[in-house]
Amino acid sequence: TMGDTTTWRTPDNVPRELLQASNLPAALIVQAEQCEWPTKRPAVQAAQRWAAGEVQGLCLTGDVGVGKTCLAATATLARLATCKLPRRAPHGSHTWHDPAAPMWVSMAQLLVQLRSGFGTDMRSGAQHLVGTRCAVVFDDFDKINPTANALEVVFAALDARIQAGASVLITTNLPVGKFAVGWPQPLGQAIASRIAGYCQVVRMGGKDRRLP
């Protein structure tokens, strides 16, 4: 409700151009718009601070179905509502994007796209996501097959943002420490260390919201 500070909802003033550029799935936008988050919850408070640019890194952990992805989508939409619109450069075909505007990245989908044939649009788009230094949301960070090649991609995408001081939001079922012991070394340890050093790590509790 208007002026209600006990719950946090998705803003209704996110420009269409920013939504399209964000890569946020339409179904997830609809889902986020239906959520009301109690602001007394630590994870919600942390997501609000990330959306406002008060913290650079946030990692939401917790069991399956507790709402990590939906909360991350709400935070992404709130952040997008404060960003500048994409605009075409005066000369050439380049389009400028506000580096504070988050790109939504499904980790499993990213790695599938990178395995696409050389020169395909899917592969080129995925390579751009890995190399760019804009704000990013890595959803389902642990939902990958942690091969050496996959972890090289994950580390590169994460490290590029951290080196640039960009905003990073991560969702994962696994606790961050599990990457250090459960994923191949040395990259598993390096990824866990980067996340722990850059992100506020907050565990979301609760039951599976998808089950009756």
Protein backbone atom coordinates (compact mmCIF):
# COMPACT_ATOMS: atom_id res chain seq x y z
CA THR A 1 0.00 0.00 0.00
CA MET A 2 1.02 3.62 -0.54
CA GLY A 3 3.31 4.81 2.23
CA ASP A 4 3.40 1.38 3.88
CA THR A 5 6.94 0.77 5.14
CA THR A 6 6.22 -2.66 6.63
CA THR A 7 6.28 -4.36 3.23
CA TRP A 8 8.40 -3.94 0.12
CA ARG A 9 6.91 -4.32 -3.33
CA THR A 10 8.08 -4.11 -6.90
CA PRO A 11 7.95 -0.54 -8.24
CA ASP A 12 5.49 0.05 -11.06
CA ASN A 13 7.54 2.69 -12.86
CA VAL A 14 10.32 0.63 -14.45
CA PRO A 15 10.76 1.80 -18.07
CA ARG A 16 10.15 -0.85 -20.72
CA GLU A 17 13.55 -0.19 -22.34
CA LEU A 18 15.34 -1.03 -19.09
CA LEU A 19 13.26 -4.17 -18.59
CA GLN A 20 14.12 -5.41 -22.08
CA ALA A 21 17.83 -4.70 -21.65
CA SER A 22 17.97 -6.40 -18.24
CA ASN A 23 17.35 -9.95 -19.53
CA LEU A 24 14.93 -10.48 -16.63
CA PRO A 25 12.44 -13.21 -17.67
CA ALA A 26 8.88 -11.94 -18.18
CA ALA A 27 7.40 -14.71 -16.02
CA LEU A 28 9.69 -13.73 -13.16
CA ILE A 29 8.68 -10.08 -13.46
CA VAL A 30 5.04 -11.12 -13.08
CA GLN A 31 5.92 -13.31 -10.10
CA ALA A 32 7.87 -10.52 -8.42
CA GLU A 33 5.01 -8.08 -8.94
CA GLN A 34 2.76 -10.37 -6.89
CA CYS A 35 5.11 -10.50 -3.88
CA GLU A 36 4.99 -8.37 -0.75
CA TRP A 37 8.12 -8.70 1.36
CA PRO A 38 8.05 -7.98 5.12
CA THR A 39 10.73 -5.35 5.68
CA LYS A 40 11.56 -6.75 9.12
CA ARG A 41 13.25 -9.76 7.48
CA PRO A 42 17.06 -9.38 7.33
CA ALA A 43 17.24 -10.68 3.75
CA VAL A 44 14.66 -8.13 2.62
CA GLN A 45 16.52 -5.31 4.34
CA ALA A 46 19.75 -6.43 2.66
CA ALA A 47 18.02 -6.58 -0.74
CA GLN A 48 16.65 -3.07 -0.22
CA ARG A 49 20.14 -1.77 0.55
CA TRP A 50 21.53 -3.46 -2.57
CA ALA A 51 18.75 -2.02 -4.73
CA ALA A 52 19.52 1.45 -3.35
CA GLY A 53 23.22 1.05 -4.12
CA GLU A 54 24.19 1.12 -0.44
CA VAL A 55 26.04 -2.22 -0.68
CA GLN A 56 27.95 -3.43 -3.73
CA GLY A 57 27.63 -7.17 -3.19
CA LEU A 58 24.86 -9.38 -1.82
CA CYS A 59 24.63 -13.17 -1.75
CA LEU A 60 21.28 -14.74 -0.82
CA THR A 61 21.57 -18.36 0.30
CA GLY A 62 18.89 -20.78 1.48
CA ASP A 63 16.93 -23.90 0.74
CA VAL A 64 14.99 -24.55 -2.46
CA GLY A 65 11.81 -22.51 -2.80
CA VAL A 66 12.27 -19.98 0.02
CA GLY A 67 12.07 -17.04 -2.40
CA LYS A 68 15.67 -16.11 -3.19
CA THR A 69 15.11 -15.66 -6.91
CA CYS A 70 11.87 -13.73 -6.45
CA LEU A 71 13.48 -11.41 -3.89
CA ALA A 72 16.43 -10.90 -6.22
CA ALA A 73 13.99 -10.03 -9.02
CA THR A 74 12.25 -7.50 -6.77
CA ALA A 75 15.62 -5.94 -5.93
CA THR A 76 16.57 -5.88 -9.62
CA LEU A 77 13.35 -4.10 -10.58
CA ALA A 78 13.78 -1.59 -7.75
CA ARG A 79 17.32 -0.90 -8.92
CA LEU A 80 16.25 -0.56 -12.57
CA ALA A 81 13.67 2.06 -11.58
CA THR A 82 16.56 4.37 -10.57
CA CYS A 83 18.70 3.85 -13.70
CA LYS A 84 19.14 5.90 -16.86
CA LEU A 85 17.59 4.74 -20.12
CA PRO A 86 19.73 3.09 -22.82
CA ARG A 87 20.61 5.51 -25.60
CA ARG A 88 22.11 5.23 -29.04
CA ALA A 89 25.53 6.82 -29.54
CA PRO A 90 25.47 9.85 -31.88
CA HIS A 91 27.74 8.10 -34.38
CA GLY A 92 27.72 4.39 -35.11
CA SER A 93 25.53 1.56 -33.91
CA HIS A 94 26.71 1.37 -30.29
CA THR A 95 24.05 1.67 -27.59
CA TRP A 96 25.07 3.06 -24.20
CA HIS A 97 23.72 1.23 -21.16
CA ASP A 98 23.81 2.55 -17.61
CA PRO A 99 26.44 0.38 -15.85
CA ALA A 100 24.33 0.54 -12.69
CA ALA A 101 21.45 -1.23 -14.48
CA PRO A 102 21.68 -4.93 -13.55
CA MET A 103 21.84 -7.70 -16.12
CA TRP A 104 20.00 -10.86 -15.06
CA VAL A 105 22.05 -14.01 -15.65
CA SER A 106 20.78 -17.57 -15.16
CA MET A 107 24.04 -19.42 -14.54
CA ALA A 108 22.92 -22.72 -16.07
CA GLN A 109 21.56 -20.93 -19.14
CA LEU A 110 24.75 -18.89 -19.49
CA LEU A 111 26.91 -22.00 -19.69
CA VAL A 112 24.55 -23.65 -22.20
CA GLN A 113 24.77 -20.55 -24.38
CA LEU A 114 28.56 -20.52 -24.18
CA ARG A 115 28.57 -24.09 -25.49
CA SER A 116 26.59 -22.99 -28.56
CA GLY A 117 28.30 -23.05 -31.91
CA PHE A 118 31.04 -20.52 -32.63
CA GLY A 119 29.67 -17.30 -34.07
CA THR A 120 26.06 -17.86 -32.98
CA ASP A 121 24.05 -15.03 -31.43
CA MET A 122 23.55 -17.06 -28.25
CA ARG A 123 27.27 -17.59 -27.79
CA SER A 124 28.11 -13.97 -28.60
CA GLY A 125 25.53 -12.73 -26.12
CA ALA A 126 26.87 -15.02 -23.41
CA GLN A 127 30.45 -13.92 -24.07
CA HIS A 128 29.32 -10.30 -23.74
CA LEU A 129 27.70 -11.07 -20.38
CA VAL A 130 30.91 -12.66 -19.12
CA GLY A 131 33.16 -9.84 -20.26
CA THR A 132 31.08 -6.76 -19.49
CA ARG A 133 31.46 -4.97 -16.18
CA CYS A 134 27.94 -3.73 -15.57
CA ALA A 135 25.91 -4.60 -12.48
CA VAL A 136 24.78 -8.22 -12.53
CA VAL A 137 22.49 -10.73 -10.85
CA PHE A 138 23.80 -14.31 -10.95
CA ASP A 139 20.72 -16.46 -10.32
CA ASP A 140 21.09 -20.09 -9.22
CA PHE A 141 24.85 -19.65 -8.95
CA ASP A 142 25.31 -23.26 -7.84
CA LYS A 143 23.19 -24.81 -10.62
CA ILE A 144 26.11 -25.67 -12.86
CA ASN A 145 28.20 -28.71 -13.59
CA PRO A 146 31.44 -27.51 -11.94
CA THR A 147 33.91 -28.63 -14.59
CA ALA A 148 37.22 -26.81 -14.89
CA ASN A 149 36.00 -24.98 -18.01
CA ALA A 150 32.73 -23.94 -16.36
CA LEU A 151 34.49 -22.64 -13.26
CA GLU A 152 36.88 -20.61 -15.40
CA VAL A 153 33.86 -18.87 -16.95
CA VAL A 154 32.20 -18.33 -13.56
CA PHE A 155 35.38 -16.93 -12.03
CA ALA A 156 35.99 -14.61 -14.99
CA ALA A 157 32.43 -13.25 -14.92
CA LEU A 158 32.53 -12.70 -11.16
CA ASP A 159 36.05 -11.30 -11.01
CA ALA A 160 35.41 -8.79 -13.82
CA ARG A 161 32.59 -7.24 -11.81
CA ILE A 162 34.54 -7.19 -8.56
CA GLN A 163 37.59 -5.59 -10.19
CA ALA A 164 35.30 -2.92 -11.67
CA GLY A 165 33.54 -2.32 -8.34
CA ALA A 166 30.21 -3.22 -9.95
CA SER A 167 27.08 -4.27 -8.10
CA VAL A 168 26.71 -8.04 -7.76
CA LEU A 169 23.73 -10.03 -6.46
CA ILE A 170 23.98 -13.82 -6.19
CA THR A 171 21.37 -16.46 -5.33
CA THR A 172 22.44 -19.96 -4.35
CA ASN A 173 21.08 -22.97 -2.49
CA LEU A 174 24.58 -23.96 -1.39
CA PRO A 175 26.34 -22.05 1.39
CA VAL A 176 29.29 -20.10 0.03
CA GLY A 177 31.75 -22.27 1.95
CA LYS A 178 30.60 -25.33 -0.02
CA PHE A 179 32.15 -23.89 -3.18
CA ALA A 180 35.53 -23.99 -1.47
CA VAL A 181 35.28 -27.67 -0.53
CA GLY A 182 32.84 -29.15 -3.06
CA TRP A 183 34.07 -27.59 -6.30
CA PRO A 184 37.38 -28.42 -8.03
CA GLN A 185 40.38 -26.47 -6.81
CA PRO A 186 41.89 -23.95 -6.99
CA LEU A 187 38.94 -22.15 -8.63
CA GLY A 188 36.35 -23.38 -6.12
CA GLN A 189 38.30 -21.80 -3.27
CA ALA A 190 38.96 -18.64 -5.29
CA ILE A 191 35.27 -18.20 -6.16
CA ALA A 192 34.19 -18.73 -2.54
CA SER A 193 36.81 -16.26 -1.35
CA ARG A 194 35.73 -13.61 -3.87
CA ILE A 195 32.08 -13.92 -2.86
CA ALA A 196 32.80 -13.87 0.89
CA GLY A 197 35.08 -10.86 0.52
CA TYR A 198 32.83 -8.78 -1.73
CA CYS A 199 29.29 -9.73 -0.74
CA GLN A 200 27.14 -9.49 2.34
CA VAL A 201 26.01 -13.11 2.71
CA VAL A 202 22.47 -13.52 4.05
CA ARG A 203 20.63 -16.79 4.56
CA MET A 204 16.90 -16.83 3.79
CA GLY A 205 14.87 -19.13 5.98
CA GLY A 206 11.31 -20.36 5.63
CA LYS A 207 9.51 -23.20 3.91
CA ASP A 208 9.23 -23.94 0.20
CA ARG A 209 6.83 -21.28 -1.11
CA ARG A 210 5.94 -23.47 -4.10
CA LEU A 211 4.48 -26.28 -1.99
CA PRO A 212 1.01 -26.17 -0.40
